PDB file of N, CA and C in Angstrom:
ATOM      1  N   MET A   1     201.310 226.300 -60.589  1.00  0.00           N
ATOM      2  CA  MET A   1     200.153 226.114 -59.746  1.00  0.00           C
ATOM      3  C   MET A   1     200.320 224.794 -58.982  1.00  0.00           C
ATOM      4  N   ALA A   2     199.992 224.839 -57.732  1.00  0.00           N
ATOM      5  CA  ALA A   2     200.079 223.644 -56.903  1.00  0.00           C
ATOM      6  C   ALA A   2     198.713 223.340 -56.320  1.00  0.00           C
ATOM      7  N   ARG A   3     198.433 222.067 -56.162  1.00  0.00           N
ATOM      8  CA  ARG A   3     197.213 221.668 -55.450  1.00  0.00           C
ATOM      9  C   ARG A   3     197.485 221.844 -53.966  1.00  0.00           C
ATOM     10  N   VAL A   4     196.577 222.514 -53.282  1.00  0.00           N
ATOM     11  CA  VAL A   4     196.742 222.790 -51.864  1.00  0.00           C
ATOM     12  C   VAL A   4     195.625 222.093 -51.107  1.00  0.00           C
ATOM     13  N   ARG A   5     195.995 221.365 -50.061  1.00  0.00           N
ATOM     14  CA  ARG A   5     195.015 220.714 -49.192  1.00  0.00           C
ATOM     15  C   ARG A   5     195.165 221.301 -47.803  1.00  0.00           C
ATOM     16  N   LEU A   6     194.055 221.715 -47.244  1.00  0.00           N
ATOM     17  CA  LEU A   6     194.037 222.354 -45.935  1.00  0.00           C
ATOM     18  C   LEU A   6     193.265 221.476 -44.960  1.00  0.00           C
ATOM     19  N   PHE A   7     193.794 221.325 -43.764  1.00  0.00           N
ATOM     20  CA  PHE A   7     193.194 220.439 -42.778  1.00  0.00           C
ATOM     21  C   PHE A   7     192.826 221.195 -41.508  1.00  0.00           C
ATOM     22  N   ALA A   8     191.805 220.700 -40.821  1.00  0.00           N
ATOM     23  CA  ALA A   8     191.367 221.149 -39.494  1.00  0.00           C
ATOM     24  C   ALA A   8     191.206 222.666 -39.440  1.00  0.00           C
ATOM     25  N   SER A   9     191.906 223.337 -38.531  1.00  0.00           N
ATOM     26  CA  SER A   9     191.725 224.779 -38.345  1.00  0.00           C
ATOM     27  C   SER A   9     192.174 225.581 -39.559  1.00  0.00           C
ATOM     28  N   ALA A  10     193.107 225.074 -40.347  1.00  0.00           N
ATOM     29  CA  ALA A  10     193.507 225.764 -41.577  1.00  0.00           C
ATOM     30  C   ALA A  10     192.351 225.756 -42.577  1.00  0.00           C
ATOM     31  N   ARG A  11     191.668 224.640 -42.672  1.00  0.00           N
ATOM     32  CA  ARG A  11     190.493 224.529 -43.547  1.00  0.00           C
ATOM     33  C   ARG A  11     189.391 225.477 -43.079  1.00  0.00           C
ATOM     34  N   GLU A  12     189.159 225.521 -41.786  1.00  0.00           N
ATOM     35  CA  GLU A  12     188.134 226.408 -41.240  1.00  0.00           C
ATOM     36  C   GLU A  12     188.466 227.875 -41.496  1.00  0.00           C
ATOM     37  N   ALA A  13     189.724 228.259 -41.314  1.00  0.00           N
ATOM     38  CA  ALA A  13     190.127 229.648 -41.520  1.00  0.00           C
ATOM     39  C   ALA A  13     190.033 230.053 -42.987  1.00  0.00           C
ATOM     40  N   ALA A  14     190.316 229.120 -43.883  1.00  0.00           N
ATOM     41  CA  ALA A  14     190.279 229.414 -45.317  1.00  0.00           C
ATOM     42  C   ALA A  14     188.871 229.306 -45.895  1.00  0.00           C
ATOM     43  N   GLY A  15     188.037 228.508 -45.262  1.00  0.00           N
ATOM     44  CA  GLY A  15     186.695 228.292 -45.784  1.00  0.00           C
ATOM     45  C   GLY A  15     186.640 227.268 -46.898  1.00  0.00           C
ATOM     46  N   THR A  16     187.725 226.513 -47.074  1.00  0.00           N
ATOM     47  CA  THR A  16     187.782 225.458 -48.086  1.00  0.00           C
ATOM     48  C   THR A  16     188.836 224.437 -47.679  1.00  0.00           C
ATOM     49  N   GLY A  17     188.698 223.227 -48.186  1.00  0.00           N
ATOM     50  CA  GLY A  17     189.675 222.184 -47.902  1.00  0.00           C
ATOM     51  C   GLY A  17     190.687 221.971 -49.009  1.00  0.00           C
ATOM     52  N   THR A  18     190.364 222.478 -50.195  1.00  0.00           N
ATOM     53  CA  THR A  18     191.273 222.316 -51.331  1.00  0.00           C
ATOM     54  C   THR A  18     191.256 223.566 -52.197  1.00  0.00           C
ATOM     55  N   ASP A  19     192.354 223.781 -52.895  1.00  0.00           N
ATOM     56  CA  ASP A  19     192.457 224.915 -53.803  1.00  0.00           C
ATOM     57  C   ASP A  19     193.620 224.643 -54.751  1.00  0.00           C
ATOM     58  N   VAL A  20     193.748 225.470 -55.752  1.00  0.00           N
ATOM     59  CA  VAL A  20     194.897 225.463 -56.648  1.00  0.00           C
ATOM     60  C   VAL A  20     195.465 226.875 -56.599  1.00  0.00           C
ATOM     61  N   ILE A  21     196.736 226.986 -56.223  1.00  0.00           N
ATOM     62  CA  ILE A  21     197.355 228.298 -56.011  1.00  0.00           C
ATOM     63  C   ILE A  21     198.666 228.361 -56.768  1.00  0.00           C
ATOM     64  N   ASP A  22     198.876 229.465 -57.442  1.00  0.00           N
ATOM     65  CA  ASP A  22     200.069 229.683 -58.251  1.00  0.00           C
ATOM     66  C   ASP A  22     201.275 230.009 -57.378  1.00  0.00           C
ATOM     67  N   GLY A  23     202.435 229.534 -57.779  1.00  0.00           N
ATOM     68  CA  GLY A  23     203.686 229.852 -57.101  1.00  0.00           C
ATOM     69  C   GLY A  23     204.786 228.926 -57.543  1.00  0.00           C
ATOM     70  N   ASP A  24     206.030 229.433 -57.504  1.00  0.00           N
ATOM     71  CA  ASP A  24     207.187 228.633 -57.897  1.00  0.00           C
ATOM     72  C   ASP A  24     207.849 227.934 -56.718  1.00  0.00           C
ATOM     73  N   THR A  25     207.595 228.461 -55.515  1.00  0.00           N
ATOM     74  CA  THR A  25     208.165 227.867 -54.301  1.00  0.00           C
ATOM     75  C   THR A  25     207.051 227.667 -53.280  1.00  0.00           C
ATOM     76  N   VAL A  26     207.371 226.908 -52.246  1.00  0.00           N
ATOM     77  CA  VAL A  26     206.425 226.721 -51.153  1.00  0.00           C
ATOM     78  C   VAL A  26     206.039 228.082 -50.574  1.00  0.00           C
ATOM     79  N   ALA A  27     207.009 228.963 -50.389  1.00  0.00           N
ATOM     80  CA  ALA A  27     206.749 230.301 -49.843  1.00  0.00           C
ATOM     81  C   ALA A  27     205.794 231.085 -50.729  1.00  0.00           C
ATOM     82  N   ASP A  28     205.987 231.022 -52.046  1.00  0.00           N
ATOM     83  CA  ASP A  28     205.098 231.737 -52.971  1.00  0.00           C
ATOM     84  C   ASP A  28     203.655 231.266 -52.801  1.00  0.00           C
ATOM     85  N   VAL A  29     203.469 229.968 -52.720  1.00  0.00           N
ATOM     86  CA  VAL A  29     202.123 229.407 -52.588  1.00  0.00           C
ATOM     87  C   VAL A  29     201.507 229.817 -51.252  1.00  0.00           C
ATOM     88  N   LEU A  30     202.279 229.716 -50.177  1.00  0.00           N
ATOM     89  CA  LEU A  30     201.758 230.084 -48.867  1.00  0.00           C
ATOM     90  C   LEU A  30     201.441 231.574 -48.780  1.00  0.00           C
ATOM     91  N   ASP A  31     202.307 232.410 -49.347  1.00  0.00           N
ATOM     92  CA  ASP A  31     202.049 233.856 -49.346  1.00  0.00           C
ATOM     93  C   ASP A  31     200.781 234.183 -50.129  1.00  0.00           C
ATOM     94  N   SER A  32     200.587 233.519 -51.249  1.00  0.00           N
ATOM     95  CA  SER A  32     199.363 233.730 -52.029  1.00  0.00           C
ATOM     96  C   SER A  32     198.137 233.248 -51.266  1.00  0.00           C
ATOM     97  N   ALA A  33     198.292 232.150 -50.528  1.00  0.00           N
ATOM     98  CA  ALA A  33     197.177 231.647 -49.724  1.00  0.00           C
ATOM     99  C   ALA A  33     196.809 232.652 -48.635  1.00  0.00           C
ATOM    100  N   VAL A  34     197.796 233.260 -48.005  1.00  0.00           N
ATOM    101  CA  VAL A  34     197.527 234.279 -46.985  1.00  0.00           C
ATOM    102  C   VAL A  34     196.817 235.468 -47.616  1.00  0.00           C
ATOM    103  N   ASP A  35     197.275 235.896 -48.790  1.00  0.00           N
ATOM    104  CA  ASP A  35     196.609 237.001 -49.490  1.00  0.00           C
ATOM    105  C   ASP A  35     195.156 236.652 -49.794  1.00  0.00           C
ATOM    106  N   ARG A  36     194.918 235.415 -50.180  1.00  0.00           N
ATOM    107  CA  ARG A  36     193.582 234.972 -50.561  1.00  0.00           C
ATOM    108  C   ARG A  36     192.657 234.800 -49.349  1.00  0.00           C
ATOM    109  N   TYR A  37     193.180 234.233 -48.267  1.00  0.00           N
ATOM    110  CA  TYR A  37     192.328 233.849 -47.143  1.00  0.00           C
ATOM    111  C   TYR A  37     192.370 234.802 -45.955  1.00  0.00           C
ATOM    112  N   GLY A  38     193.350 235.671 -45.862  1.00  0.00           N
ATOM    113  CA  GLY A  38     193.354 236.714 -44.841  1.00  0.00           C
ATOM    114  C   GLY A  38     194.110 236.422 -43.562  1.00  0.00           C
ATOM    115  N   ASP A  39     193.902 237.345 -42.614  1.00  0.00           N
ATOM    116  CA  ASP A  39     194.663 237.348 -41.366  1.00  0.00           C
ATOM    117  C   ASP A  39     194.438 236.114 -40.507  1.00  0.00           C
ATOM    118  N   ARG A  40     193.209 235.658 -40.406  1.00  0.00           N
ATOM    119  CA  ARG A  40     192.936 234.472 -39.576  1.00  0.00           C
ATOM    120  C   ARG A  40     193.701 233.263 -40.097  1.00  0.00           C
ATOM    121  N   PHE A  41     193.731 233.109 -41.414  1.00  0.00           N
ATOM    122  CA  PHE A  41     194.496 232.013 -42.006  1.00  0.00           C
ATOM    123  C   PHE A  41     195.985 232.182 -41.694  1.00  0.00           C
ATOM    124  N   ALA A  42     196.499 233.399 -41.780  1.00  0.00           N
ATOM    125  CA  ALA A  42     197.913 233.662 -41.479  1.00  0.00           C
ATOM    126  C   ALA A  42     198.244 233.252 -40.046  1.00  0.00           C
ATOM    127  N   GLU A  43     197.346 233.545 -39.105  1.00  0.00           N
ATOM    128  CA  GLU A  43     197.552 233.164 -37.709  1.00  0.00           C
ATOM    129  C   GLU A  43     197.639 231.654 -37.560  1.00  0.00           C
ATOM    130  N   VAL A  44     196.732 230.954 -38.208  1.00  0.00           N
ATOM    131  CA  VAL A  44     196.726 229.491 -38.138  1.00  0.00           C
ATOM    132  C   VAL A  44     197.974 228.925 -38.821  1.00  0.00           C
ATOM    133  N   LEU A  45     198.317 229.468 -39.969  1.00  0.00           N
ATOM    134  CA  LEU A  45     199.469 228.984 -40.739  1.00  0.00           C
ATOM    135  C   LEU A  45     200.759 229.039 -39.919  1.00  0.00           C
ATOM    136  N   ALA A  46     200.880 230.036 -39.054  1.00  0.00           N
ATOM    137  CA  ALA A  46     202.088 230.189 -38.235  1.00  0.00           C
ATOM    138  C   ALA A  46     202.335 228.991 -37.323  1.00  0.00           C
ATOM    139  N   THR A  47     201.303 228.203 -37.046  1.00  0.00           N
ATOM    140  CA  THR A  47     201.440 227.045 -36.153  1.00  0.00           C
ATOM    141  C   THR A  47     201.485 225.717 -36.919  1.00  0.00           C
ATOM    142  N   CYS A  48     201.386 225.779 -38.234  1.00  0.00           N
ATOM    143  CA  CYS A  48     201.227 224.571 -39.052  1.00  0.00           C
ATOM    144  C   CYS A  48     202.540 224.000 -39.566  1.00  0.00           C
ATOM    145  N   ARG A  49     202.484 222.735 -39.882  1.00  0.00           N
ATOM    146  CA  ARG A  49     203.527 222.068 -40.658  1.00  0.00           C
ATOM    147  C   ARG A  49     203.071 222.101 -42.110  1.00  0.00           C
ATOM    148  N   VAL A  50     204.029 222.185 -43.022  1.00  0.00           N
ATOM    149  CA  VAL A  50     203.708 222.189 -44.444  1.00  0.00           C
ATOM    150  C   VAL A  50     204.473 221.052 -45.094  1.00  0.00           C
ATOM    151  N   TRP A  51     203.724 220.207 -45.787  1.00  0.00           N
ATOM    152  CA  TRP A  51     204.317 219.064 -46.466  1.00  0.00           C
ATOM    153  C   TRP A  51     204.022 219.162 -47.951  1.00  0.00           C
ATOM    154  N   VAL A  52     204.969 218.720 -48.754  1.00  0.00           N
ATOM    155  CA  VAL A  52     204.780 218.649 -50.207  1.00  0.00           C
ATOM    156  C   VAL A  52     204.976 217.199 -50.613  1.00  0.00           C
ATOM    157  N   ASN A  53     203.936 216.639 -51.188  1.00  0.00           N
ATOM    158  CA  ASN A  53     203.971 215.239 -51.629  1.00  0.00           C
ATOM    159  C   ASN A  53     204.387 214.284 -50.500  1.00  0.00           C
ATOM    160  N   GLY A  54     203.930 214.592 -49.277  1.00  0.00           N
ATOM    161  CA  GLY A  54     204.195 213.722 -48.147  1.00  0.00           C
ATOM    162  C   GLY A  54     205.513 213.956 -47.441  1.00  0.00           C
ATOM    163  N   ASP A  55     206.291 214.961 -47.876  1.00  0.00           N
ATOM    164  CA  ASP A  55     207.565 215.271 -47.235  1.00  0.00           C
ATOM    165  C   ASP A  55     207.539 216.694 -46.701  1.00  0.00           C
ATOM    166  N   GLU A  56     208.072 216.871 -45.500  1.00  0.00           N
ATOM    167  CA  GLU A  56     208.155 218.217 -44.942  1.00  0.00           C
ATOM    168  C   GLU A  56     209.323 218.940 -45.615  1.00  0.00           C
ATOM    169  N   LEU A  57     209.032 220.078 -46.238  1.00  0.00           N
ATOM    170  CA  LEU A  57     210.055 220.842 -46.950  1.00  0.00           C
ATOM    171  C   LEU A  57     210.109 222.262 -46.414  1.00  0.00           C
ATOM    172  N   ASP A  58     211.234 222.943 -46.647  1.00  0.00           N
ATOM    173  CA  ASP A  58     211.316 224.331 -46.207  1.00  0.00           C
ATOM    174  C   ASP A  58     210.626 225.240 -47.216  1.00  0.00           C
ATOM    175  N   ARG A  59     210.418 226.478 -46.818  1.00  0.00           N
ATOM    176  CA  ARG A  59     209.649 227.431 -47.624  1.00  0.00           C
ATOM    177  C   ARG A  59     210.316 227.756 -48.961  1.00  0.00           C
ATOM    178  N   GLY A  60     211.606 227.559 -49.066  1.00  0.00           N
ATOM    179  CA  GLY A  60     212.307 227.881 -50.308  1.00  0.00           C
ATOM    180  C   GLY A  60     212.266 226.781 -51.350  1.00  0.00           C
ATOM    181  N   ALA A  61     211.699 225.634 -51.009  1.00  0.00           N
ATOM    182  CA  ALA A  61     211.660 224.501 -51.936  1.00  0.00           C
ATOM    183  C   ALA A  61     210.780 224.809 -53.145  1.00  0.00           C
ATOM    184  N   ALA A  62     211.233 224.358 -54.302  1.00  0.00           N
ATOM    185  CA  ALA A  62     210.466 224.535 -55.544  1.00  0.00           C
ATOM    186  C   ALA A  62     209.214 223.678 -55.510  1.00  0.00           C
ATOM    187  N   ILE A  63     208.188 224.160 -56.186  1.00  0.00           N
ATOM    188  CA  ILE A  63     206.923 223.429 -56.254  1.00  0.00           C
ATOM    189  C   ILE A  63     206.372 223.567 -57.667  1.00  0.00           C
ATOM    190  N   GLY A  64     205.768 222.500 -58.160  1.00  0.00           N
ATOM    191  CA  GLY A  64     205.271 222.503 -59.532  1.00  0.00           C
ATOM    192  C   GLY A  64     203.810 222.106 -59.623  1.00  0.00           C
ATOM    193  N   PRO A  65     203.294 222.060 -60.834  1.00  0.00           N
ATOM    194  CA  PRO A  65     201.863 221.803 -61.045  1.00  0.00           C
ATOM    195  C   PRO A  65     201.417 220.391 -60.661  1.00  0.00           C
ATOM    196  N   ASP A  66     202.340 219.461 -60.569  1.00  0.00           N
ATOM    197  CA  ASP A  66     201.985 218.095 -60.198  1.00  0.00           C
ATOM    198  C   ASP A  66     202.156 217.836 -58.706  1.00  0.00           C
ATOM    199  N   ASP A  67     202.520 218.880 -57.959  1.00  0.00           N
ATOM    200  CA  ASP A  67     202.776 218.726 -56.530  1.00  0.00           C
ATOM    201  C   ASP A  67     201.539 219.032 -55.702  1.00  0.00           C
ATOM    202  N   GLU A  68     201.469 218.384 -54.544  1.00  0.00           N
ATOM    203  CA  GLU A  68     200.396 218.641 -53.594  1.00  0.00           C
ATOM    204  C   GLU A  68     201.010 219.171 -52.306  1.00  0.00           C
ATOM    205  N   LEU A  69     200.576 220.363 -51.912  1.00  0.00           N
ATOM    206  CA  LEU A  69     201.037 220.997 -50.688  1.00  0.00           C
ATOM    207  C   LEU A  69     199.943 220.818 -49.634  1.00  0.00           C
ATOM    208  N   ALA A  70     200.311 220.268 -48.492  1.00  0.00           N
ATOM    209  CA  ALA A  70     199.359 220.042 -47.404  1.00  0.00           C
ATOM    210  C   ALA A  70     199.707 220.927 -46.225  1.00  0.00           C
ATOM    211  N   VAL A  71     198.719 221.637 -45.692  1.00  0.00           N
ATOM    212  CA  VAL A  71     198.876 222.481 -44.511  1.00  0.00           C
ATOM    213  C   VAL A  71     198.247 221.739 -43.339  1.00  0.00           C
ATOM    214  N   LEU A  72     199.080 221.363 -42.366  1.00  0.00           N
ATOM    215  CA  LEU A  72     198.670 220.495 -41.265  1.00  0.00           C
ATOM    216  C   LEU A  72     198.844 221.208 -39.925  1.00  0.00           C
ATOM    217  N   PRO A  73     197.751 221.668 -39.326  1.00  0.00           N
ATOM    218  CA  PRO A  73     197.829 222.269 -37.998  1.00  0.00           C
ATOM    219  C   PRO A  73     198.199 221.226 -36.955  1.00  0.00           C
ATOM    220  N   PRO A  74     198.696 221.681 -35.798  1.00  0.00           N
ATOM    221  CA  PRO A  74     198.975 220.723 -34.726  1.00  0.00           C
ATOM    222  C   PRO A  74     197.681 220.055 -34.281  1.00  0.00           C
ATOM    223  N   VAL A  75     197.802 218.826 -33.859  1.00  0.00           N
ATOM    224  CA  VAL A  75     196.634 218.068 -33.430  1.00  0.00           C
ATOM    225  C   VAL A  75     196.772 217.780 -31.941  1.00  0.00           C
ATOM    226  N   SER A  76     195.680 217.968 -31.243  1.00  0.00           N
ATOM    227  CA  SER A  76     195.678 217.603 -29.824  1.00  0.00           C
ATOM    228  C   SER A  76     194.417 216.799 -29.556  1.00  0.00           C
ATOM    229  N   GLY A  77     194.396 216.175 -28.453  1.00  0.00           N
ATOM    230  CA  GLY A  77     193.216 215.399 -28.102  1.00  0.00           C
ATOM    231  C   GLY A  77     193.605 214.188 -27.294  1.00  0.00           C
ATOM    232  N   GLY A  78     192.702 213.303 -27.169  1.00  0.00           N
ATOM    233  CA  GLY A  78     192.936 212.100 -26.400  1.00  0.00           C
ATOM    234  C   GLY A  78     192.015 212.068 -25.193  1.00  0.00           C
ATOM    235  N   ALA A  79     192.120 211.028 -24.466  1.00  0.00           N
ATOM    236  CA  ALA A  79     191.267 210.825 -23.285  1.00  0.00           C
ATOM    237  C   ALA A  79     191.975 211.327 -22.044  1.00  0.00           C
ATOM    238  N   VAL A  80     191.182 211.754 -21.095  1.00  0.00           N
ATOM    239  CA  VAL A  80     191.737 212.219 -19.816  1.00  0.00           C
ATOM    240  C   VAL A  80     191.599 211.112 -18.806  1.00  0.00           C
TER     241      VAL A  80
END
């Protein structure tokens, strides 16, 4: 199980900012999150960066119970 933190549009699509999701790899956790939160979350996830413990890792990376997975959508904004 990994602690999952969701930000901005990912949080809105999931309806929560934090969760605990079972999985042995980053991919397992993300796939379970899509199953849990649905199609809108899957759409948002496709544009996101995923970090584990502050490092960007690929989907095949192992993840454990002491790890924190963060889903970070792209950010835009600023002054015109």
